[in-house]
C-alpha atoms as a PDB file:
ATOM      1  CA  UNK A   1       0.000   0.000   0.000  1.00  0.00           C
ATOM      2  CA  UNK A   2       1.408   3.388  -0.961  1.00  0.00           C
ATOM      3  CA  UNK A   3       1.718   6.087   1.685  1.00  0.00           C
ATOM      4  CA  UNK A   4      -0.815   8.861   1.184  1.00  0.00           C
ATOM      5  CA  UNK A   5       0.442  12.310   0.249  1.00  0.00           C
ATOM      6  CA  UNK A   6      -1.426  15.464   1.216  1.00  0.00           C
ATOM      7  CA  UNK A   7      -0.612  19.025   0.170  1.00  0.00           C
ATOM      8  CA  UNK A   8      -0.955  20.919   3.449  1.00  0.00           C
ATOM      9  CA  UNK A   9       0.035  24.333   2.127  1.00  0.00           C
ATOM     10  CA  UNK A  10       1.181  26.027  -1.051  1.00  0.00           C
ATOM     11  CA  UNK A  11       2.312  29.577  -1.723  1.00  0.00           C
ATOM     12  CA  UNK A  12       3.921  31.595  -4.463  1.00  0.00           C
ATOM     13  CA  UNK A  13       7.260  33.167  -3.675  1.00  0.00           C
ATOM     14  CA  UNK A  14       9.807  35.412  -5.439  1.00  0.00           C
ATOM     15  CA  UNK A  15      11.675  32.213  -6.376  1.00  0.00           C
ATOM     16  CA  UNK A  16       8.793  29.958  -7.371  1.00  0.00           C
ATOM     17  CA  UNK A  17       6.070  27.946  -5.613  1.00  0.00           C
ATOM     18  CA  UNK A  18       6.669  26.489  -2.163  1.00  0.00           C
ATOM     19  CA  UNK A  19       4.771  23.402  -0.939  1.00  0.00           C
ATOM     20  CA  UNK A  20       4.322  21.652   2.390  1.00  0.00           C
ATOM     21  CA  UNK A  21       3.434  18.016   1.717  1.00  0.00           C
ATOM     22  CA  UNK A  22       2.593  15.378   4.323  1.00  0.00           C
ATOM     23  CA  UNK A  23       3.678  11.857   3.386  1.00  0.00           C
ATOM     24  CA  UNK A  24       2.212   9.660   6.088  1.00  0.00           C
ATOM     25  CA  UNK A  25       3.888  10.755   9.333  1.00  0.00           C
ATOM     26  CA  UNK A  26       6.543  12.778   7.511  1.00  0.00           C
ATOM     27  CA  UNK A  27       6.036  16.478   6.810  1.00  0.00           C
ATOM     28  CA  UNK A  28       8.148  17.634   3.866  1.00  0.00           C
ATOM     29  CA  UNK A  29       9.127  20.908   2.218  1.00  0.00           C
ATOM     30  CA  UNK A  30       9.216  20.949  -1.575  1.00  0.00           C
ATOM     31  CA  UNK A  31       9.806  23.596  -4.238  1.00  0.00           C
ATOM     32  CA  UNK A  32       8.232  24.118  -7.671  1.00  0.00           C
ATOM     33  CA  UNK A  33       5.674  21.272  -7.373  1.00  0.00           C
ATOM     34  CA  UNK A  34       4.228  18.873  -4.787  1.00  0.00           C
ATOM     35  CA  UNK A  35       6.390  16.181  -6.406  1.00  0.00           C
ATOM     36  CA  UNK A  36       9.536  18.318  -6.247  1.00  0.00           C
ATOM     37  CA  UNK A  37      12.719  17.134  -4.593  1.00  0.00           C
ATOM     38  CA  UNK A  38      12.485  16.850  -0.821  1.00  0.00           C
ATOM     39  CA  UNK A  39      14.160  19.897   0.739  1.00  0.00           C
ATOM     40  CA  UNK A  40      13.537  19.203   4.411  1.00  0.00           C
ATOM     41  CA  UNK A  41      11.502  16.871   6.607  1.00  0.00           C
ATOM     42  CA  UNK A  42      10.259  16.327  10.137  1.00  0.00           C
ATOM     43  CA  UNK A  43       8.205  13.575  11.757  1.00  0.00           C
ATOM     44  CA  UNK A  44       4.865  14.859  13.015  1.00  0.00           C
ATOM     45  CA  UNK A  45       4.833  12.188  15.727  1.00  0.00           C
ATOM     46  CA  UNK A  46       8.366  13.076  16.898  1.00  0.00           C
ATOM     47  CA  UNK A  47       9.438  16.627  15.949  1.00  0.00           C
ATOM     48  CA  UNK A  48      12.828  16.106  17.645  1.00  0.00           C
ATOM     49  CA  UNK A  49      13.751  13.228  15.335  1.00  0.00           C
ATOM     50  CA  UNK A  50      16.172  13.880  12.456  1.00  0.00           C
ATOM     51  CA  UNK A  51      14.833  11.821   9.526  1.00  0.00           C
ATOM     52  CA  UNK A  52      16.967  13.483   6.842  1.00  0.00           C
ATOM     53  CA  UNK A  53      20.320  11.686   6.733  1.00  0.00           C
ATOM     54  CA  UNK A  54      22.422  14.530   5.325  1.00  0.00           C
ATOM     55  CA  UNK A  55      21.544  16.677   8.357  1.00  0.00           C
ATOM     56  CA  UNK A  56      23.063  14.036  10.635  1.00  0.00           C
ATOM     57  CA  UNK A  57      26.135  13.702   8.413  1.00  0.00           C
ATOM     58  CA  UNK A  58      26.626  17.489   8.278  1.00  0.00           C
ATOM     59  CA  UNK A  59      26.644  17.551  12.085  1.00  0.00           C
ATOM     60  CA  UNK A  60      29.815  15.469  11.952  1.00  0.00           C
ATOM     61  CA  UNK A  61      31.620  18.629  10.821  1.00  0.00           C
ATOM     62  CA  UNK A  62      31.648  19.644  14.482  1.00  0.00           C
ATOM     63  CA  UNK A  63      34.083  16.778  15.122  1.00  0.00           C
ATOM     64  CA  UNK A  64      36.699  18.721  13.147  1.00  0.00           C
ATOM     65  CA  UNK A  65      36.571  21.917  15.181  1.00  0.00           C
ATOM     66  CA  UNK A  66      36.901  22.552  18.892  1.00  0.00           C
ATOM     67  CA  UNK A  67      34.645  25.602  18.629  1.00  0.00           C
ATOM     68  CA  UNK A  68      30.981  25.433  19.581  1.00  0.00           C
ATOM     69  CA  UNK A  69      30.262  29.118  20.140  1.00  0.00           C
ATOM     70  CA  UNK A  70      28.751  30.175  16.820  1.00  0.00           C
ATOM     71  CA  UNK A  71      27.211  28.346  13.835  1.00  0.00           C
ATOM     72  CA  UNK A  72      25.992  29.827  10.534  1.00  0.00           C
ATOM     73  CA  UNK A  73      23.564  28.112   8.157  1.00  0.00           C
ATOM     74  CA  UNK A  74      23.102  29.450   4.614  1.00  0.00           C
ATOM     75  CA  UNK A  75      19.720  28.149   3.424  1.00  0.00           C
ATOM     76  CA  UNK A  76      16.956  27.539   5.964  1.00  0.00           C
ATOM     77  CA  UNK A  77      14.679  25.019   4.255  1.00  0.00           C
ATOM     78  CA  UNK A  78      12.470  23.542   6.958  1.00  0.00           C
ATOM     79  CA  UNK A  79      15.039  24.456   9.589  1.00  0.00           C
ATOM     80  CA  UNK A  80      16.118  20.913  10.525  1.00  0.00           C
ATOM     81  CA  UNK A  81      19.836  21.685  10.866  1.00  0.00           C
ATOM     82  CA  UNK A  82      19.634  25.014  12.742  1.00  0.00           C
ATOM     83  CA  UNK A  83      16.995  23.621  15.106  1.00  0.00           C
ATOM     84  CA  UNK A  84      19.192  20.580  15.760  1.00  0.00           C
ATOM     85  CA  UNK A  85      22.174  22.836  16.498  1.00  0.00           C
ATOM     86  CA  UNK A  86      20.006  24.964  18.781  1.00  0.00           C
ATOM     87  CA  UNK A  87      18.966  21.845  20.690  1.00  0.00           C
ATOM     88  CA  UNK A  88      22.230  19.937  21.075  1.00  0.00           C
ATOM     89  CA  UNK A  89      24.849  22.688  21.379  1.00  0.00           C
ATOM     90  CA  UNK A  90      25.606  24.359  24.717  1.00  0.00           C
ATOM     91  CA  UNK A  91      23.208  27.099  25.791  1.00  0.00           C
ATOM     92  CA  UNK A  92      25.850  29.756  25.253  1.00  0.00           C
ATOM     93  CA  UNK A  93      26.068  28.871  21.535  1.00  0.00           C
ATOM     94  CA  UNK A  94      24.596  31.137  18.849  1.00  0.00           C
ATOM     95  CA  UNK A  95      22.975  29.860  15.632  1.00  0.00           C
ATOM     96  CA  UNK A  96      22.545  32.323  12.743  1.00  0.00           C
ATOM     97  CA  UNK A  97      20.618  31.513   9.557  1.00  0.00           C
ATOM     98  CA  UNK A  98      20.591  33.312   6.209  1.00  0.00           C
ATOM     99  CA  UNK A  99      17.670  32.575   3.862  1.00  0.00           C
ATOM    100  CA  UNK A 100      16.941  34.516   0.682  1.00  0.00           C
ATOM    101  CA  UNK A 101      13.262  33.530   0.369  1.00  0.00           C
ATOM    102  CA  UNK A 102      10.893  35.167   2.888  1.00  0.00           C
ATOM    103  CA  UNK A 103       8.167  32.629   2.089  1.00  0.00           C
ATOM    104  CA  UNK A 104      10.457  29.769   3.130  1.00  0.00           C
ATOM    105  CA  UNK A 105      11.059  31.534   6.454  1.00  0.00           C
ATOM    106  CA  UNK A 106       7.312  31.902   6.994  1.00  0.00           C
ATOM    107  CA  UNK A 107       6.656  28.251   6.117  1.00  0.00           C
ATOM    108  CA  UNK A 108       9.461  27.027   8.408  1.00  0.00           C
ATOM    109  CA  UNK A 109       7.943  28.939  11.300  1.00  0.00           C
ATOM    110  CA  UNK A 110       4.335  27.902  10.642  1.00  0.00           C
ATOM    111  CA  UNK A 111       4.735  24.267   9.650  1.00  0.00           C
ATOM    112  CA  UNK A 112       8.154  22.992  10.806  1.00  0.00           C
ATOM    113  CA  UNK A 113       8.445  24.287  14.353  1.00  0.00           C
ATOM    114  CA  UNK A 114      11.211  26.839  13.755  1.00  0.00           C
ATOM    115  CA  UNK A 115      11.304  29.282  16.668  1.00  0.00           C
ATOM    116  CA  UNK A 116      13.677  32.225  16.956  1.00  0.00           C
ATOM    117  CA  UNK A 117      14.997  33.334  20.322  1.00  0.00           C
ATOM    118  CA  UNK A 118      18.114  34.939  21.767  1.00  0.00           C
ATOM    119  CA  UNK A 119      20.222  32.021  20.454  1.00  0.00           C
ATOM    120  CA  UNK A 120      18.641  31.519  17.016  1.00  0.00           C
ATOM    121  CA  UNK A 121      18.418  34.379  14.532  1.00  0.00           C
ATOM    122  CA  UNK A 122      17.225  34.348  10.891  1.00  0.00           C
ATOM    123  CA  UNK A 123      18.220  37.003   8.330  1.00  0.00           C
ATOM    124  CA  UNK A 124      16.331  37.288   5.029  1.00  0.00           C
ATOM    125  CA  UNK A 125      18.984  38.063   2.420  1.00  0.00           C
ATOM    126  CA  UNK A 126      21.275  36.553  -0.182  1.00  0.00           C
ATOM    127  CA  UNK A 127      23.919  34.296   1.357  1.00  0.00           C
ATOM    128  CA  UNK A 128      26.683  35.671  -0.877  1.00  0.00           C
ATOM    129  CA  UNK A 129      25.933  39.266   0.155  1.00  0.00           C
ATOM    130  CA  UNK A 130      25.934  38.255   3.812  1.00  0.00           C
ATOM    131  CA  UNK A 131      29.223  36.401   3.479  1.00  0.00           C
ATOM    132  CA  UNK A 132      30.979  39.230   1.606  1.00  0.00           C
ATOM    133  CA  UNK A 133      30.384  41.751   4.388  1.00  0.00           C
ATOM    134  CA  UNK A 134      32.391  42.205   7.525  1.00  0.00           C
ATOM    135  CA  UNK A 135      30.731  40.405  10.401  1.00  0.00           C
ATOM    136  CA  UNK A 136      31.133  37.771  13.111  1.00  0.00           C
ATOM    137  CA  UNK A 137      33.221  34.687  12.551  1.00  0.00           C
ATOM    138  CA  UNK A 138      31.871  31.182  12.943  1.00  0.00           C
ATOM    139  CA  UNK A 139      33.124  27.830  14.196  1.00  0.00           C
ATOM    140  CA  UNK A 140      31.009  25.997  11.626  1.00  0.00           C
ATOM    141  CA  UNK A 141      29.341  27.263   8.453  1.00  0.00           C
ATOM    142  CA  UNK A 142      26.859  24.987   6.674  1.00  0.00           C
ATOM    143  CA  UNK A 143      26.166  25.853   3.028  1.00  0.00           C
ATOM    144  CA  UNK A 144      22.756  24.354   2.326  1.00  0.00           C
ATOM    145  CA  UNK A 145      21.126  26.636  -0.248  1.00  0.00           C
ATOM    146  CA  UNK A 146      19.605  24.880  -3.247  1.00  0.00           C
ATOM    147  CA  UNK A 147      16.448  24.558  -5.329  1.00  0.00           C
ATOM    148  CA  UNK A 148      15.138  21.736  -7.495  1.00  0.00           C
ATOM    149  CA  UNK A 149      17.701  22.652 -10.172  1.00  0.00           C
ATOM    150  CA  UNK A 150      20.626  22.682  -7.716  1.00  0.00           C
ATOM    151  CA  UNK A 151      22.707  25.356  -6.034  1.00  0.00           C
ATOM    152  CA  UNK A 152      22.427  28.932  -7.373  1.00  0.00           C
ATOM    153  CA  UNK A 153      25.403  29.675  -9.631  1.00  0.00           C
ATOM    154  CA  UNK A 154      26.748  32.582  -7.586  1.00  0.00           C
ATOM    155  CA  UNK A 155      27.072  30.259  -4.568  1.00  0.00           C
ATOM    156  CA  UNK A 156      29.323  27.909  -6.544  1.00  0.00           C
ATOM    157  CA  UNK A 157      32.074  30.374  -7.386  1.00  0.00           C
ATOM    158  CA  UNK A 158      35.562  30.344  -5.905  1.00  0.00           C
ATOM    159  CA  UNK A 159      35.368  33.891  -4.521  1.00  0.00           C
ATOM    160  CA  UNK A 160      32.245  32.916  -2.548  1.00  0.00           C
ATOM    161  CA  UNK A 161      34.134  30.072  -0.876  1.00  0.00           C
ATOM    162  CA  UNK A 162      37.012  32.448  -0.142  1.00  0.00           C
ATOM    163  CA  UNK A 163      34.495  34.695   1.629  1.00  0.00           C
ATOM    164  CA  UNK A 164      33.264  31.648   3.550  1.00  0.00           C
ATOM    165  CA  UNK A 165      36.795  30.854   4.694  1.00  0.00           C
ATOM    166  CA  UNK A 166      37.316  34.476   5.762  1.00  0.00           C
ATOM    167  CA  UNK A 167      34.217  34.261   7.983  1.00  0.00           C
ATOM    168  CA  UNK A 168      35.503  31.190   9.831  1.00  0.00           C
ATOM    169  CA  UNK A 169      37.118  31.337  13.236  1.00  0.00           C
ATOM    170  CA  UNK A 170      40.694  29.988  13.312  1.00  0.00           C
ATOM    171  CA  UNK A 171      40.257  26.230  13.205  1.00  0.00           C
ATOM    172  CA  UNK A 172      36.685  26.589  11.959  1.00  0.00           C
ATOM    173  CA  UNK A 173      35.030  24.252   9.463  1.00  0.00           C
ATOM    174  CA  UNK A 174      32.909  24.850   6.358  1.00  0.00           C
ATOM    175  CA  UNK A 175      30.382  22.152   5.420  1.00  0.00           C
ATOM    176  CA  UNK A 176      28.776  21.971   1.957  1.00  0.00           C
ATOM    177  CA  UNK A 177      25.679  19.926   1.155  1.00  0.00           C
ATOM    178  CA  UNK A 178      26.275  18.959  -2.461  1.00  0.00           C
ATOM    179  CA  UNK A 179      22.807  18.079  -3.742  1.00  0.00           C
ATOM    180  CA  UNK A 180      20.877  17.964  -7.016  1.00  0.00           C
ATOM    181  CA  UNK A 181      23.957  18.404  -9.184  1.00  0.00           C
ATOM    182  CA  UNK A 182      24.360  17.010 -12.673  1.00  0.00           C
ATOM    183  CA  UNK A 183      26.912  14.193 -12.496  1.00  0.00           C
ATOM    184  CA  UNK A 184      29.237  15.888 -14.975  1.00  0.00           C
ATOM    185  CA  UNK A 185      29.565  18.947 -12.701  1.00  0.00           C
ATOM    186  CA  UNK A 186      30.272  17.201  -9.381  1.00  0.00           C
ATOM    187  CA  UNK A 187      34.057  16.903  -9.804  1.00  0.00           C
ATOM    188  CA  UNK A 188      34.332  20.603 -10.669  1.00  0.00           C
ATOM    189  CA  UNK A 189      32.188  21.568  -7.656  1.00  0.00           C
ATOM    190  CA  UNK A 190      34.383  19.507  -5.346  1.00  0.00           C
ATOM    191  CA  UNK A 191      37.610  20.992  -6.689  1.00  0.00           C
ATOM    192  CA  UNK A 192      36.359  24.596  -6.478  1.00  0.00           C
ATOM    193  CA  UNK A 193      35.332  24.095  -2.864  1.00  0.00           C
ATOM    194  CA  UNK A 194      38.491  22.191  -1.888  1.00  0.00           C
ATOM    195  CA  UNK A 195      40.839  24.834  -3.301  1.00  0.00           C
ATOM    196  CA  UNK A 196      39.476  27.414  -0.857  1.00  0.00           C
ATOM    197  CA  UNK A 197      40.657  25.444   2.177  1.00  0.00           C
ATOM    198  CA  UNK A 198      43.774  23.901   3.646  1.00  0.00           C
ATOM    199  CA  UNK A 199      42.214  20.449   3.496  1.00  0.00           C
ATOM    200  CA  UNK A 200      38.944  18.861   2.397  1.00  0.00           C
ATOM    201  CA  UNK A 201      37.100  15.576   2.842  1.00  0.00           C
ATOM    202  CA  UNK A 202      33.970  13.938   1.440  1.00  0.00           C
ATOM    203  CA  UNK A 203      31.449  12.388   3.830  1.00  0.00           C
ATOM    204  CA  UNK A 204      28.518  10.144   2.951  1.00  0.00           C
ATOM    205  CA  UNK A 205      25.763   8.570   5.000  1.00  0.00           C
ATOM    206  CA  UNK A 206      24.597   4.968   5.109  1.00  0.00           C
ATOM    207  CA  UNK A 207      22.077   5.207   2.268  1.00  0.00           C
ATOM    208  CA  UNK A 208      23.264   4.846  -1.322  1.00  0.00           C
ATOM    209  CA  UNK A 209      21.099   7.899  -2.038  1.00  0.00           C
ATOM    210  CA  UNK A 210      22.752  10.053   0.623  1.00  0.00           C
ATOM    211  CA  UNK A 211      23.842  13.538  -0.367  1.00  0.00           C
ATOM    212  CA  UNK A 212      27.555  14.136  -0.670  1.00  0.00           C
ATOM    213  CA  UNK A 213      28.812  16.315   2.178  1.00  0.00           C
ATOM    214  CA  UNK A 214      32.100  18.216   1.832  1.00  0.00           C
ATOM    215  CA  UNK A 215      34.039  19.586   4.795  1.00  0.00           C
ATOM    216  CA  UNK A 216      36.718  22.223   4.342  1.00  0.00           C
ATOM    217  CA  UNK A 217      39.210  22.938   7.117  1.00  0.00           C
ATOM    218  CA  UNK A 218      41.852  25.561   7.794  1.00  0.00           C
ATOM    219  CA  UNK A 219      44.270  22.968   9.203  1.00  0.00           C
ATOM    220  CA  UNK A 220      45.236  19.492   7.954  1.00  0.00           C
ATOM    221  CA  UNK A 221      42.569  16.852   8.427  1.00  0.00           C
ATOM    222  CA  UNK A 222      43.080  13.949  10.817  1.00  0.00           C
ATOM    223  CA  UNK A 223      43.354  10.371   9.579  1.00  0.00           C
ATOM    224  CA  UNK A 224      40.085   8.484   9.200  1.00  0.00           C
ATOM    225  CA  UNK A 225      40.719   6.501  12.396  1.00  0.00           C
ATOM    226  CA  UNK A 226      41.341   9.684  14.390  1.00  0.00           C
ATOM    227  CA  UNK A 227      38.273  11.292  12.838  1.00  0.00           C
ATOM    228  CA  UNK A 228      36.195   8.311  14.014  1.00  0.00           C
ATOM    229  CA  UNK A 229      37.547   8.781  17.541  1.00  0.00           C
ATOM    230  CA  UNK A 230      36.698  12.474  17.437  1.00  0.00           C
ATOM    231  CA  UNK A 231      33.227  11.651  16.100  1.00  0.00           C
ATOM    232  CA  UNK A 232      32.665   9.221  18.976  1.00  0.00           C
ATOM    233  CA  UNK A 233      33.680  11.883  21.509  1.00  0.00           C
ATOM    234  CA  UNK A 234      31.393  14.427  19.820  1.00  0.00           C
ATOM    235  CA  UNK A 235      28.426  12.033  19.915  1.00  0.00           C
ATOM    236  CA  UNK A 236      28.941  11.550  23.649  1.00  0.00           C
ATOM    237  CA  UNK A 237      29.525  15.247  24.305  1.00  0.00           C
ATOM    238  CA  UNK A 238      26.323  16.277  22.506  1.00  0.00           C
ATOM    239  CA  UNK A 239      24.310  13.231  23.638  1.00  0.00           C
ATOM    240  CA  UNK A 240      23.579  12.495  19.985  1.00  0.00           C
ATOM    241  CA  UNK A 241      24.501   8.798  19.554  1.00  0.00           C
ATOM    242  CA  UNK A 242      23.003   8.522  16.063  1.00  0.00           C
ATOM    243  CA  UNK A 243      26.125  10.353  14.834  1.00  0.00           C
ATOM    244  CA  UNK A 244      28.172   7.181  15.188  1.00  0.00           C
ATOM    245  CA  UNK A 245      26.101   5.347  12.588  1.00  0.00           C
ATOM    246  CA  UNK A 246      25.489   8.328  10.304  1.00  0.00           C
ATOM    247  CA  UNK A 247      28.858   8.762   8.580  1.00  0.00           C
ATOM    248  CA  UNK A 248      29.775   5.700   6.539  1.00  0.00           C
ATOM    249  CA  UNK A 249      32.609   7.087   4.411  1.00  0.00           C
ATOM    250  CA  UNK A 250      35.359   9.623   5.109  1.00  0.00           C
ATOM    251  CA  UNK A 251      37.575  10.319   2.102  1.00  0.00           C
ATOM    252  CA  UNK A 252      40.133  13.092   1.828  1.00  0.00           C
ATOM    253  CA  UNK A 253      40.087  15.188  -1.347  1.00  0.00           C
ATOM    254  CA  UNK A 254      43.325  15.784  -3.231  1.00  0.00           C
ATOM    255  CA  UNK A 255      43.369  18.548  -5.820  1.00  0.00           C
ATOM    256  CA  UNK A 256      45.970  19.035  -8.507  1.00  0.00           C
ATOM    257  CA  UNK A 257      48.472  21.834  -7.960  1.00  0.00           C
END
């Protein structure tokens, strides 16, 4: 028996239609059509669950930085990652979000449980403009802005990633969710990102359909065995044991000189 799908909400936006679609117990955010690619998801029966695997894998980026004070997310979606950071990081930590589409912000608040407070702040603006300005530095920056056709072109360029690196604290980590890319462009995307950082690795989750997650660091990466140890310590520190089973592959990226 197929799981029933129900369009809960739809709205036009400056960047195309936005849909909230319930698929059984799962509430999903989709762009362009009710059948569009899943952008974000929560479980209605357990809003604290993290059903989207790439969100769990992206959290592993925290294992590569000692900092926990400030996190930036470019691209809100349904707010799964920033809300997770808000929940599991220490109470002194700040989570900032940049989202270009005001309708997405409204939908995240109304249908996905996103709540701003003194520790979680959302800015409605272009991520590249935000990154190019002078402003606070971050221990982790997640780049998670994409539509059904992939990442906007101006967020793929080398000077954007240089701006990202400039906005990192010393020892900070940039994490890129590489989704909805044509296969022929993936290698170029990886190399452009990797060249902006001292070192870079690719992470994947357990599912064969998992998004590719890139992490860029300002210092040399640890070996895979040391990374696994650091991931184990992070899972215990944050009381988030699912981290240990989320990252299946850790592969360093080597770019030609």
